[in-house]
Structures are given as C-alpha cells and as structure tokens.
Amino acid sequence: MTHSRIEIVRADITRLEVDAIVNAANSSLLGGGGVDGAIHRAAGPELVAECRLLGGCATGEAKITKGYRLPARFVIHTVGPVWRGGEHGEDALLASCYRSSLELAASRELRTLAFPAISTGIYGFPFERATRLALREIRAFVSEHTLPQRVVLVFFSESDERLAHALTAEG
C-alpha cells in the first residue's frame, strides 16, 4: 500500500528544498564520507561548528542543527548501525534512527523531511532490508501523526530508486 505522504526520488539530498534533511552521520557528528560528507560540504563550516556543541550522538538517536547554506532549513543527524550480520540489534537500531528523526521533525513542527538510505553505504546494512525497514517505520509514524506532512526517501542511484519503488508497491 502506497502512502500519499511518502515520496521516493532519485536526487542529491543536499539540493532538496524541504524543511529538513536527515544526515546519515557518524557518532562524532563532525562529518565523514558519503552523504555525511556531502551534507557537511554543502552546508559550510558553520554546520561542523554547531555539531561540535552537540557532544556527539549515540547510534539510533537523532539531533538537529540549522541547515546553513543548504536549501533545507535544518539537518537532523542520526547515527545508523554498522551491519554485523543482523544478530546484534541492527534492525532495532536502524528503526530507531527513522523514528527518532521523525519524532524530532514532528516536535519542531516541520512539514517536509527527506531521508537518505541510512546505514546502506560504508556501514554495510543490506539495502533491501534497510529500505523495507525504513518504509515500515515511516508508514507507521505517518499513520499516527499529522507531521511531517511529506516524507521523501532520497536515493542516489537509479537501481536503488527502482528497488525502493518496487518495495513500496508491495505494501
């Protein structure tokens, strides 16, 4: 079942005009590779300066900063789990990333929120498993909350976007 408040796109998350984008951060929040590095580069040095004040972030939790030079007004930083075979609580931690980010967005009354594919890059979480989990958590949240009004799942490659659409169609 497709939910009208969930959108799947292939795009550069740093260029989206939404209230907030989610950063697949590391626990230091001071920047890294992949999406994290791209967001930090696009936002400018003010982002890392604000992140230094946050004292890091635990896996599965989320913290918010301003967006600085990004089109998005805010960045919600969440730390996904490193995949270690699936028997170390990875699913629960990844689900918590999505829930914590959505709760933070709702508490700030943000209407639009964009997520990357958390933990599927260097952290090695299997893409299809992570995407199914993300869709389940987002659907559950938006069915019980009015905000955010629109949640965008952002994928970098055409093949990832296609698979996400197929998984969405499955319900």
C-alpha atoms as a PDB file:
ATOM      1  CA  MET A   1       0.000   0.000   0.000  1.00  0.00           C
ATOM      2  CA  THR A   2       1.490   3.318  -1.047  1.00  0.00           C
ATOM      3  CA  HIS A   3       1.064   6.135   1.380  1.00  0.00           C
ATOM      4  CA  SER A   4       0.334   9.507  -0.198  1.00  0.00           C
ATOM      5  CA  ARG A   5       2.628  11.282   2.277  1.00  0.00           C
ATOM      6  CA  ILE A   6       5.687   9.203   1.321  1.00  0.00           C
ATOM      7  CA  GLU A   7       7.627  10.020  -1.830  1.00  0.00           C
ATOM      8  CA  ILE A   8      10.573   8.219  -3.435  1.00  0.00           C
ATOM      9  CA  VAL A   9      13.017  10.196  -5.562  1.00  0.00           C
ATOM     10  CA  ARG A  10      16.472   9.943  -7.055  1.00  0.00           C
ATOM     11  CA  ALA A  11      18.205  13.197  -6.239  1.00  0.00           C
ATOM     12  CA  ASP A  12      21.034  14.950  -4.471  1.00  0.00           C
ATOM     13  CA  ILE A  13      19.698  15.333  -0.927  1.00  0.00           C
ATOM     14  CA  THR A  14      21.795  18.488  -0.429  1.00  0.00           C
ATOM     15  CA  ARG A  15      19.741  20.287  -3.112  1.00  0.00           C
ATOM     16  CA  LEU A  16      16.247  19.469  -1.862  1.00  0.00           C
ATOM     17  CA  GLU A  17      14.002  22.300  -0.751  1.00  0.00           C
ATOM     18  CA  VAL A  18      12.458  20.698   2.325  1.00  0.00           C
ATOM     19  CA  ASP A  19      12.199  21.802   5.940  1.00  0.00           C
ATOM     20  CA  ALA A  20      14.860  19.286   6.992  1.00  0.00           C
ATOM     21  CA  ILE A  21      17.127  16.662   5.548  1.00  0.00           C
ATOM     22  CA  VAL A  22      18.387  13.715   7.541  1.00  0.00           C
ATOM     23  CA  ASN A  23      22.118  13.160   7.703  1.00  0.00           C
ATOM     24  CA  ALA A  24      23.403   9.599   7.968  1.00  0.00           C
ATOM     25  CA  ALA A  25      26.040  10.766  10.426  1.00  0.00           C
ATOM     26  CA  ASN A  26      28.795   9.123  12.403  1.00  0.00           C
ATOM     27  CA  SER A  27      28.747   9.348  16.196  1.00  0.00           C
ATOM     28  CA  SER A  28      31.078  12.371  16.304  1.00  0.00           C
ATOM     29  CA  LEU A  29      28.675  14.402  14.084  1.00  0.00           C
ATOM     30  CA  LEU A  30      31.773  16.129  12.678  1.00  0.00           C
ATOM     31  CA  GLY A  31      31.469  14.927   9.101  1.00  0.00           C
ATOM     32  CA  GLY A  32      32.706  11.895   7.222  1.00  0.00           C
ATOM     33  CA  GLY A  33      32.268  10.233   3.866  1.00  0.00           C
ATOM     34  CA  GLY A  34      29.248   9.590   1.665  1.00  0.00           C
ATOM     35  CA  VAL A  35      26.055  11.501   2.406  1.00  0.00           C
ATOM     36  CA  ASP A  36      27.533  12.846   5.648  1.00  0.00           C
ATOM     37  CA  GLY A  37      30.489  14.458   3.880  1.00  0.00           C
ATOM     38  CA  ALA A  38      28.292  15.835   1.083  1.00  0.00           C
ATOM     39  CA  ILE A  39      25.921  17.459   3.581  1.00  0.00           C
ATOM     40  CA  HIS A  40      28.779  18.986   5.564  1.00  0.00           C
ATOM     41  CA  ARG A  41      30.428  20.349   2.400  1.00  0.00           C
ATOM     42  CA  ALA A  42      27.170  21.840   1.099  1.00  0.00           C
ATOM     43  CA  ALA A  43      26.167  23.346   4.452  1.00  0.00           C
ATOM     44  CA  GLY A  44      29.528  25.014   5.021  1.00  0.00           C
ATOM     45  CA  PRO A  45      31.812  25.300   8.063  1.00  0.00           C
ATOM     46  CA  GLU A  46      29.071  26.639  10.333  1.00  0.00           C
ATOM     47  CA  LEU A  47      27.500  23.166  10.409  1.00  0.00           C
ATOM     48  CA  VAL A  48      30.539  21.464  11.908  1.00  0.00           C
ATOM     49  CA  ALA A  49      30.904  24.351  14.373  1.00  0.00           C
ATOM     50  CA  GLU A  50      27.335  23.785  15.628  1.00  0.00           C
ATOM     51  CA  CYS A  51      27.824  19.998  15.632  1.00  0.00           C
ATOM     52  CA  ARG A  52      30.852  20.398  17.918  1.00  0.00           C
ATOM     53  CA  LEU A  53      28.484  21.814  20.555  1.00  0.00           C
ATOM     54  CA  LEU A  54      26.212  18.735  20.486  1.00  0.00           C
ATOM     55  CA  GLY A  55      28.645  16.289  22.091  1.00  0.00           C
ATOM     56  CA  GLY A  56      28.160  13.556  19.514  1.00  0.00           C
ATOM     57  CA  CYS A  57      25.188  11.252  19.074  1.00  0.00           C
ATOM     58  CA  ALA A  58      24.514   7.640  20.021  1.00  0.00           C
ATOM     59  CA  THR A  59      23.543   5.023  17.446  1.00  0.00           C
ATOM     60  CA  GLY A  60      19.778   5.081  16.864  1.00  0.00           C
ATOM     61  CA  GLU A  61      19.338   8.618  18.208  1.00  0.00           C
ATOM     62  CA  ALA A  62      18.923  11.944  16.395  1.00  0.00           C
ATOM     63  CA  LYS A  63      19.934  15.577  16.938  1.00  0.00           C
ATOM     64  CA  ILE A  64      19.042  18.712  14.985  1.00  0.00           C
ATOM     65  CA  THR A  65      21.047  21.670  13.693  1.00  0.00           C
ATOM     66  CA  LYS A  66      20.444  24.548  11.342  1.00  0.00           C
ATOM     67  CA  GLY A  67      20.913  23.910   7.616  1.00  0.00           C
ATOM     68  CA  TYR A  68      23.164  26.919   6.970  1.00  0.00           C
ATOM     69  CA  ARG A  69      23.983  27.025   3.231  1.00  0.00           C
ATOM     70  CA  LEU A  70      21.625  24.144   2.365  1.00  0.00           C
ATOM     71  CA  PRO A  71      18.191  24.810   0.857  1.00  0.00           C
ATOM     72  CA  ALA A  72      16.829  22.814   3.838  1.00  0.00           C
ATOM     73  CA  ARG A  73      16.347  24.906   6.985  1.00  0.00           C
ATOM     74  CA  PHE A  74      17.502  22.099   9.282  1.00  0.00           C
ATOM     75  CA  VAL A  75      19.640  18.984   9.339  1.00  0.00           C
ATOM     76  CA  ILE A  76      18.587  16.069  11.528  1.00  0.00           C
ATOM     77  CA  HIS A  77      21.663  13.967  12.254  1.00  0.00           C
ATOM     78  CA  THR A  78      21.128  10.298  13.051  1.00  0.00           C
ATOM     79  CA  VAL A  79      23.686   7.572  13.570  1.00  0.00           C
ATOM     80  CA  GLY A  80      22.831   4.296  11.914  1.00  0.00           C
ATOM     81  CA  PRO A  81      24.179   0.920  12.977  1.00  0.00           C
ATOM     82  CA  VAL A  82      27.137  -0.799  11.371  1.00  0.00           C
ATOM     83  CA  TRP A  83      25.938  -4.105   9.877  1.00  0.00           C
ATOM     84  CA  ARG A  84      27.450  -7.039  11.775  1.00  0.00           C
ATOM     85  CA  GLY A  85      25.407  -9.886  10.321  1.00  0.00           C
ATOM     86  CA  GLY A  86      21.975  -8.948  11.658  1.00  0.00           C
ATOM     87  CA  GLU A  87      22.223 -10.607  15.071  1.00  0.00           C
ATOM     88  CA  HIS A  88      23.398  -7.563  17.040  1.00  0.00           C
ATOM     89  CA  GLY A  89      20.273  -5.429  17.176  1.00  0.00           C
ATOM     90  CA  GLU A  90      20.922  -3.707  13.864  1.00  0.00           C
ATOM     91  CA  ASP A  91      17.262  -3.738  12.782  1.00  0.00           C
ATOM     92  CA  ALA A  92      16.070  -2.164  16.047  1.00  0.00           C
ATOM     93  CA  LEU A  93      18.800   0.484  15.923  1.00  0.00           C
ATOM     94  CA  LEU A  94      18.017   1.396  12.311  1.00  0.00           C
ATOM     95  CA  ALA A  95      14.295   1.558  13.087  1.00  0.00           C
ATOM     96  CA  SER A  96      15.149   3.878  15.968  1.00  0.00           C
ATOM     97  CA  CYS A  97      17.038   6.185  13.569  1.00  0.00           C
ATOM     98  CA  TYR A  98      13.906   6.658  11.484  1.00  0.00           C
ATOM     99  CA  ARG A  99      11.564   7.019  14.486  1.00  0.00           C
ATOM    100  CA  SER A 100      13.877   9.421  16.337  1.00  0.00           C
ATOM    101  CA  SER A 101      14.284  11.588  13.232  1.00  0.00           C
ATOM    102  CA  LEU A 102      10.528  11.650  12.569  1.00  0.00           C
ATOM    103  CA  GLU A 103       9.765  12.458  16.222  1.00  0.00           C
ATOM    104  CA  LEU A 104      12.289  15.311  16.191  1.00  0.00           C
ATOM    105  CA  ALA A 105      10.808  16.692  12.954  1.00  0.00           C
ATOM    106  CA  ALA A 106       7.271  16.488  14.368  1.00  0.00           C
ATOM    107  CA  SER A 107       8.309  18.144  17.643  1.00  0.00           C
ATOM    108  CA  ARG A 108       9.754  21.066  15.645  1.00  0.00           C
ATOM    109  CA  GLU A 109       6.560  21.210  13.542  1.00  0.00           C
ATOM    110  CA  LEU A 110       8.441  20.512  10.314  1.00  0.00           C
ATOM    111  CA  ARG A 111       6.201  19.740   7.358  1.00  0.00           C
ATOM    112  CA  THR A 112       8.699  18.147   4.960  1.00  0.00           C
ATOM    113  CA  LEU A 113      11.538  15.748   5.733  1.00  0.00           C
ATOM    114  CA  ALA A 114      13.961  13.920   3.426  1.00  0.00           C
ATOM    115  CA  PHE A 115      15.874  10.758   4.339  1.00  0.00           C
ATOM    116  CA  PRO A 116      18.866   9.146   2.652  1.00  0.00           C
ATOM    117  CA  ALA A 117      19.281   5.352   2.790  1.00  0.00           C
ATOM    118  CA  ILE A 118      20.712   5.247   6.329  1.00  0.00           C
ATOM    119  CA  SER A 119      23.487   2.692   7.026  1.00  0.00           C
ATOM    120  CA  THR A 120      23.459   1.221   3.498  1.00  0.00           C
ATOM    121  CA  GLY A 121      26.765   2.741   2.415  1.00  0.00           C
ATOM    122  CA  ILE A 122      30.033   2.151   4.229  1.00  0.00           C
ATOM    123  CA  TYR A 123      28.112   0.778   7.261  1.00  0.00           C
ATOM    124  CA  GLY A 124      27.111  -2.179   5.081  1.00  0.00           C
ATOM    125  CA  PHE A 125      23.429  -2.634   6.002  1.00  0.00           C
ATOM    126  CA  PRO A 126      21.802  -4.687   3.212  1.00  0.00           C
ATOM    127  CA  PHE A 127      19.931  -2.218   1.002  1.00  0.00           C
ATOM    128  CA  GLU A 128      16.676  -4.128   0.518  1.00  0.00           C
ATOM    129  CA  ARG A 129      16.388  -4.986   4.221  1.00  0.00           C
ATOM    130  CA  ALA A 130      17.126  -1.373   5.223  1.00  0.00           C
ATOM    131  CA  THR A 131      14.611   0.017   2.727  1.00  0.00           C
ATOM    132  CA  ARG A 132      11.833  -2.333   3.871  1.00  0.00           C
ATOM    133  CA  LEU A 133      12.538  -1.318   7.460  1.00  0.00           C
ATOM    134  CA  ALA A 134      12.557   2.398   6.586  1.00  0.00           C
ATOM    135  CA  LEU A 135       9.230   2.116   4.760  1.00  0.00           C
ATOM    136  CA  ARG A 136       7.666   0.207   7.668  1.00  0.00           C
ATOM    137  CA  GLU A 137       8.785   2.787  10.243  1.00  0.00           C
ATOM    138  CA  ILE A 138       7.800   5.803   8.152  1.00  0.00           C
ATOM    139  CA  ARG A 139       4.374   4.336   7.300  1.00  0.00           C
ATOM    140  CA  ALA A 140       3.709   3.549  10.966  1.00  0.00           C
ATOM    141  CA  PHE A 141       4.711   7.052  12.039  1.00  0.00           C
ATOM    142  CA  VAL A 142       2.749   8.994   9.432  1.00  0.00           C
ATOM    143  CA  SER A 143      -0.349   6.882  10.088  1.00  0.00           C
ATOM    144  CA  GLU A 144      -0.377   8.162  13.678  1.00  0.00           C
ATOM    145  CA  HIS A 145       0.959  11.733  13.288  1.00  0.00           C
ATOM    146  CA  THR A 146      -0.004  14.746  11.176  1.00  0.00           C
ATOM    147  CA  LEU A 147       3.599  15.983  10.887  1.00  0.00           C
ATOM    148  CA  PRO A 148       5.695  15.742   8.883  1.00  0.00           C
ATOM    149  CA  GLN A 149       3.113  16.053   6.125  1.00  0.00           C
ATOM    150  CA  ARG A 150       5.533  14.754   3.484  1.00  0.00           C
ATOM    151  CA  VAL A 151       8.435  12.337   3.878  1.00  0.00           C
ATOM    152  CA  VAL A 152      10.836  11.897   0.981  1.00  0.00           C
ATOM    153  CA  LEU A 153      13.120   8.887   0.621  1.00  0.00           C
ATOM    154  CA  VAL A 154      16.085  10.008  -1.453  1.00  0.00           C
ATOM    155  CA  PHE A 155      18.189   7.561  -3.433  1.00  0.00           C
ATOM    156  CA  PHE A 156      21.408   8.231  -5.279  1.00  0.00           C
ATOM    157  CA  SER A 157      21.256   5.558  -7.980  1.00  0.00           C
ATOM    158  CA  GLU A 158      18.553   4.661 -10.471  1.00  0.00           C
ATOM    159  CA  SER A 159      18.690   0.979  -9.451  1.00  0.00           C
ATOM    160  CA  ASP A 160      18.176   1.838  -5.755  1.00  0.00           C
ATOM    161  CA  GLU A 161      15.279   4.118  -6.650  1.00  0.00           C
ATOM    162  CA  ARG A 162      13.673   1.349  -8.764  1.00  0.00           C
ATOM    163  CA  LEU A 163      14.004  -1.199  -5.964  1.00  0.00           C
ATOM    164  CA  ALA A 164      12.507   1.252  -3.459  1.00  0.00           C
ATOM    165  CA  HIS A 165       9.508   1.829  -5.758  1.00  0.00           C
ATOM    166  CA  ALA A 166       9.051  -1.936  -6.090  1.00  0.00           C
ATOM    167  CA  LEU A 167       9.191  -2.388  -2.311  1.00  0.00           C
ATOM    168  CA  THR A 168       6.678   0.438  -1.859  1.00  0.00           C
ATOM    169  CA  ALA A 169       4.295  -1.245  -4.276  1.00  0.00           C
ATOM    170  CA  GLU A 170       4.476  -4.455  -2.222  1.00  0.00           C
ATOM    171  CA  GLY A 171       2.998  -2.576   0.717  1.00  0.00           C
END
